[in-house]
Protein backbone atom coordinates (compact mmCIF):
# COMPACT_ATOMS: atom_id res chain seq x y z
CA MET A 1 -16.08 103.43 10.16
CA SER A 2 -14.25 101.95 7.20
CA ALA A 3 -13.84 98.19 6.69
CA PRO A 4 -10.43 96.74 7.65
CA VAL A 5 -7.98 96.25 4.81
CA PRO A 6 -7.03 92.55 4.25
CA GLN A 7 -3.43 91.80 5.20
CA GLY A 8 -1.03 89.53 3.30
CA ASP A 9 -2.75 86.70 1.41
CA ALA A 10 -6.06 87.19 3.18
CA ALA A 11 -9.04 87.73 0.89
CA PRO A 12 -12.11 89.85 1.72
CA LEU A 13 -15.03 87.95 3.20
CA GLY A 14 -17.31 86.63 0.51
CA ALA A 15 -14.68 86.94 -2.20
CA VAL A 16 -14.67 84.12 -4.74
CA PRO A 17 -11.18 82.95 -5.70
CA GLY A 18 -10.42 83.30 -9.38
CA PRO A 19 -9.14 80.48 -11.59
CA GLU A 20 -5.53 81.48 -11.00
CA ASP A 21 -5.95 81.46 -7.22
CA THR A 22 -7.55 78.01 -7.33
CA ALA A 23 -4.79 76.62 -9.53
CA GLN A 24 -2.15 78.02 -7.19
CA ARG A 25 -3.85 76.47 -4.17
CA LEU A 26 -4.09 73.09 -5.89
CA ALA A 27 -0.44 73.24 -6.87
CA ARG A 28 0.53 74.12 -3.32
CA LEU A 29 -1.55 71.26 -1.89
CA GLU A 30 0.00 68.83 -4.36
CA ARG A 31 3.49 69.94 -3.34
CA GLU A 32 2.64 69.60 0.34
CA LEU A 33 1.15 66.15 -0.24
CA ALA A 34 4.25 65.02 -2.13
CA GLN A 35 6.50 66.37 0.62
CA ALA A 36 4.44 64.68 3.33
CA ARG A 37 4.54 61.35 1.47
CA LEU A 38 8.29 61.61 0.96
CA ALA A 39 8.80 62.45 4.64
CA MET A 40 6.69 59.46 5.66
CA GLU A 41 8.63 57.15 3.34
CA ASP A 42 11.95 58.44 4.74
CA PHE A 43 10.66 57.92 8.28
CA THR A 44 9.43 54.41 7.49
CA TYR A 45 12.72 53.47 5.88
CA SER A 46 14.83 54.83 8.76
CA VAL A 47 12.73 53.26 11.51
CA SER A 48 12.43 49.90 9.77
CA HIS A 49 16.16 49.79 8.99
CA ASP A 50 17.19 50.66 12.55
CA LEU A 51 14.68 48.28 14.16
CA ARG A 52 15.76 45.49 11.81
CA ALA A 53 19.34 45.70 13.10
CA SER A 54 18.22 45.51 16.75
CA LEU A 55 15.85 42.67 15.95
CA ARG A 56 18.66 40.60 14.49
CA HIS A 57 20.47 40.85 17.83
CA VAL A 58 17.36 39.73 19.73
CA SER A 59 16.88 36.73 17.44
CA ALA A 60 20.56 35.78 17.69
CA PHE A 61 20.64 35.85 21.50
CA VAL A 62 17.38 33.92 21.82
CA ARG A 63 18.75 31.27 19.48
CA ILE A 64 22.02 31.08 21.45
CA ALA A 65 20.11 30.71 24.72
CA ARG A 66 18.00 27.93 23.22
CA GLU A 67 21.10 26.09 21.97
CA ASP A 68 22.89 26.48 25.32
CA LEU A 69 19.99 24.88 27.14
CA GLY A 70 20.23 21.85 24.87
CA VAL A 71 17.88 18.87 24.74
CA ASP A 72 17.61 18.69 28.53
CA ALA A 73 16.09 22.15 28.84
CA ASP A 74 12.96 22.66 30.88
CA PRO A 75 10.06 22.21 28.38
CA GLU A 76 8.29 25.36 29.54
CA ILE A 77 11.42 27.52 29.23
CA ALA A 78 12.21 25.99 25.82
CA SER A 79 8.66 26.73 24.67
CA HIS A 80 8.94 30.36 25.78
CA LEU A 81 12.21 30.78 23.89
CA ASP A 82 10.78 29.14 20.77
CA LYS A 83 7.81 31.50 20.85
CA ALA A 84 10.10 34.50 21.33
CA PHE A 85 12.22 33.42 18.38
CA GLY A 86 9.10 32.89 16.24
CA ALA A 87 7.75 36.32 17.18
CA ALA A 88 11.09 37.97 16.35
CA THR A 89 11.16 36.17 13.01
CA GLN A 90 7.65 37.34 12.19
CA MET A 91 8.51 40.90 13.17
CA GLY A 92 11.53 40.69 10.90
CA ARG A 93 9.24 39.78 7.99
CA LEU A 94 7.05 42.78 8.79
CA MET A 95 10.10 45.05 8.84
CA ASP A 96 11.25 43.65 5.50
CA GLY A 97 7.80 44.38 4.09
CA LEU A 98 7.93 47.99 5.28
CA LEU A 99 11.41 48.42 3.82
CA GLU A 100 10.26 47.03 0.47
CA LEU A 101 7.24 49.33 0.46
CA SER A 102 9.50 52.28 1.25
CA ARG A 103 11.95 51.35 -1.52
CA ILE A 104 9.14 51.34 -4.07
CA GLY A 105 8.13 54.84 -3.03
CA ARG A 106 11.71 56.11 -3.16
CA ALA A 107 12.92 54.35 -6.31
CA GLU A 108 13.44 56.43 -9.44
CA LEU A 109 11.17 55.21 -12.23
CA GLN A 110 12.80 53.87 -15.38
CA PRO A 111 9.80 54.02 -17.73
CA GLY A 112 9.52 52.32 -21.09
CA ASN A 113 7.04 50.32 -23.12
CA VAL A 114 6.21 46.99 -21.43
CA ASP A 115 4.75 43.91 -23.15
CA LEU A 116 2.25 42.66 -20.55
CA LEU A 117 1.74 39.30 -22.26
CA GLN A 118 5.43 38.48 -22.18
CA LEU A 119 5.70 39.76 -18.61
CA VAL A 120 2.81 37.58 -17.43
CA ASN A 121 4.21 34.49 -19.16
CA ASP A 122 7.63 35.10 -17.59
CA ILE A 123 6.01 35.34 -14.15
CA ARG A 124 4.02 32.15 -14.72
CA HIS A 125 7.27 30.35 -15.39
CA GLN A 126 8.77 31.93 -12.26
CA LEU A 127 5.87 30.61 -10.13
CA LEU A 128 6.03 27.02 -11.42
CA ASP A 129 6.96 25.69 -7.98
CA GLN A 130 3.57 26.94 -6.68
CA THR A 131 1.62 25.14 -9.40
CA GLN A 132 3.18 21.66 -9.21
CA GLY A 133 0.47 18.99 -8.95
CA ARG A 134 -2.38 21.48 -9.28
CA ASP A 135 -5.11 21.76 -11.91
CA ILE A 136 -4.95 25.38 -13.03
CA ASP A 137 -6.85 26.84 -15.97
CA TRP A 138 -4.84 29.84 -17.10
CA GLN A 139 -6.96 32.18 -19.21
CA ILE A 140 -4.48 34.76 -20.44
CA ALA A 141 -5.78 37.03 -23.19
CA PRO A 142 -3.39 36.87 -26.17
CA ASP A 143 -4.11 40.52 -26.99
CA LEU A 144 -2.99 42.05 -23.69
CA PRO A 145 -2.08 45.66 -24.57
CA GLN A 146 1.32 47.15 -23.97
CA VAL A 147 1.71 49.76 -21.26
CA HIS A 148 4.25 52.45 -20.40
CA GLY A 149 5.97 52.02 -17.09
CA ASP A 150 8.86 50.73 -15.03
CA VAL A 151 9.21 47.06 -15.98
CA ALA A 152 10.88 46.08 -12.69
CA LEU A 153 8.11 47.59 -10.56
CA LEU A 154 5.35 46.22 -12.79
CA HIS A 155 6.99 42.79 -12.61
CA GLN A 156 6.99 43.02 -8.82
CA ALA A 157 3.30 44.02 -8.74
CA LEU A 158 2.18 41.25 -11.11
CA VAL A 159 4.17 38.66 -9.16
CA GLN A 160 2.19 39.64 -6.06
CA LEU A 161 -1.14 39.49 -7.89
CA LEU A 162 -0.52 36.11 -9.53
CA ALA A 163 0.95 34.63 -6.35
CA ASN A 164 -2.15 35.80 -4.46
CA ALA A 165 -4.41 34.22 -7.08
CA LEU A 166 -2.58 30.91 -6.71
CA LYS A 167 -2.64 31.10 -2.92
CA PHE A 168 -6.33 31.87 -2.56
CA THR A 169 -7.41 29.20 -5.10
CA ARG A 170 -5.39 26.49 -3.34
CA LYS A 171 -8.50 24.68 -2.09
CA CYS A 172 -10.30 24.74 -5.46
CA PRO A 173 -10.44 21.42 -7.36
CA GLN A 174 -9.62 23.44 -10.46
CA ALA A 175 -8.21 26.93 -10.11
CA VAL A 176 -9.17 29.46 -12.77
CA VAL A 177 -6.92 32.50 -13.19
CA SER A 178 -7.74 34.93 -15.97
CA ILE A 179 -6.07 38.13 -17.11
CA ARG A 180 -7.72 40.53 -19.54
CA GLY A 181 -6.79 44.00 -20.70
CA GLN A 182 -8.27 46.73 -22.81
CA CYS A 183 -7.66 50.32 -23.83
CA ARG A 184 -10.27 52.65 -22.37
CA SER A 185 -11.82 55.63 -24.09
CA ASP A 186 -9.50 57.98 -22.15
CA GLY A 187 -6.46 56.17 -23.57
CA TRP A 188 -5.44 54.40 -20.36
CA VAL A 189 -5.09 50.64 -20.17
CA GLU A 190 -7.30 48.69 -17.78
CA VAL A 191 -6.05 45.27 -16.67
CA GLN A 192 -8.27 42.81 -14.80
CA LEU A 193 -6.98 39.76 -12.95
CA ARG A 194 -9.74 37.41 -11.82
CA ASP A 195 -9.72 34.12 -9.90
CA ASN A 196 -12.30 31.67 -8.56
CA GLY A 197 -10.80 31.42 -5.09
CA VAL A 198 -11.92 32.17 -1.57
CA GLY A 199 -12.94 35.79 -2.34
CA PHE A 200 -13.59 38.30 0.43
CA ASP A 201 -16.35 40.12 2.27
CA PRO A 202 -17.11 43.25 0.19
CA ARG A 203 -17.86 45.14 3.40
CA LEU A 204 -14.14 44.91 4.18
CA GLN A 205 -13.04 46.18 0.79
CA ASP A 206 -11.48 49.35 2.21
CA ARG A 207 -8.99 47.26 4.20
CA LEU A 208 -7.81 45.24 1.22
CA PHE A 209 -4.98 47.53 0.08
CA ARG A 210 -3.83 48.69 3.52
CA VAL A 211 -0.52 47.68 5.05
CA PHE A 212 -0.64 44.57 7.29
CA GLN A 213 -4.37 44.11 6.69
CA SER A 214 -5.22 40.49 5.94
CA LEU A 215 -8.85 39.49 5.40
CA HIS A 216 -8.15 35.79 5.95
CA SER A 217 -6.67 33.74 8.76
CA ALA A 218 -2.89 33.48 8.71
CA ARG A 219 -3.25 29.82 9.69
CA GLU A 220 -5.05 29.07 6.42
CA TYR A 221 -3.24 31.48 4.10
CA GLU A 222 0.31 32.55 4.87
CA GLY A 223 1.42 36.14 4.43
CA ILE A 224 2.02 39.39 6.29
CA GLY A 225 -0.58 41.56 4.55
CA ILE A 226 1.83 43.66 2.52
CA GLY A 227 1.35 42.32 -1.03
CA LEU A 228 -1.67 44.32 -2.17
CA ALA A 229 -0.39 47.47 -0.45
CA LEU A 230 2.77 47.03 -2.51
CA VAL A 231 0.74 46.61 -5.71
CA ARG A 232 -1.24 49.76 -4.93
CA ARG A 233 1.97 51.72 -4.38
CA VAL A 234 3.34 50.57 -7.77
CA VAL A 235 0.11 51.46 -9.58
CA GLU A 236 -0.11 54.87 -7.90
CA ARG A 237 3.51 55.64 -8.80
CA HIS A 238 2.45 55.18 -12.42
CA GLY A 239 -0.47 57.58 -11.92
CA GLY A 240 -3.06 54.80 -12.06
CA LEU A 241 -5.79 53.45 -9.80
CA ILE A 242 -6.49 50.01 -8.35
CA ALA A 243 -9.76 48.47 -7.16
CA ALA A 244 -11.11 45.07 -6.17
CA THR A 245 -14.46 43.30 -6.19
CA GLY A 246 -15.32 39.93 -4.71
CA GLU A 247 -17.65 37.78 -2.65
CA PRO A 248 -16.92 35.02 -0.15
CA GLY A 249 -16.43 31.75 -2.00
CA LYS A 250 -16.88 33.39 -5.40
CA GLY A 251 -13.41 34.66 -6.15
CA CYS A 252 -11.87 38.06 -6.55
CA CYS A 253 -11.21 40.52 -9.37
CA ILE A 254 -8.39 43.05 -9.16
CA SER A 255 -8.65 45.92 -11.64
CA LEU A 256 -5.86 48.40 -12.27
CA THR A 257 -5.20 51.18 -14.75
CA LEU A 258 -1.82 51.96 -16.30
CA PRO A 259 -0.52 54.43 -18.89
CA PRO A 260 -0.66 53.21 -22.51
CA ALA A 261 2.48 52.43 -24.48
CA GLN A 262 4.06 55.35 -26.28
CA PRO A 263 4.83 55.33 -30.01
């Protein structure tokens, strides 16, 4: 009895795919991954946008009800309404974060050479209101290399990183924030941002760049857990990688890779 003839794209059992077959499979998987990511971003944008509109109505009616009750309102009822309004406001912030994350994934890149030193100094000036009255030792390397990327997205990512460094060093008598950069042997630029703040448990490292994952109490450190997820999305859109190391009470180091500047 003769062996069955393979149909369609099926390969005989035990057959080893050749280089061309492997390349085709990888290309197909990359296309499918890109399509799945785009579909997820479209879904996130649509859902967040639609929910945001409904949420505005909820907040408005709760506020109207609270105002109608006036100062003579039953304290328990007033407390319930205040909590409902606070919850709606917080949900609105979460929706705004999802929309921003979706916009980054959908935005068309406008790449060019970016002077990291100038960008960092501009952001420092932008964050002056967060440094008033604080003792901060800025250690910015004067030889930060240039990179190739979308200056608006990179600005947004570095704002998040520097704002985080300022936030999590708030309780330090003297905050130390350092930024270093170097060109690696493969040509890519590695940038490290280090602080001496609260740090984090390295066992929870996998959660650090996920959406709405905060490793610290919201009562101590405000935020919705979207900042580092946003930074990761920006870095990945530039083809780079991001990682973090840290220990509780010993600060944190964020390392990211970006394409080098072009001639």
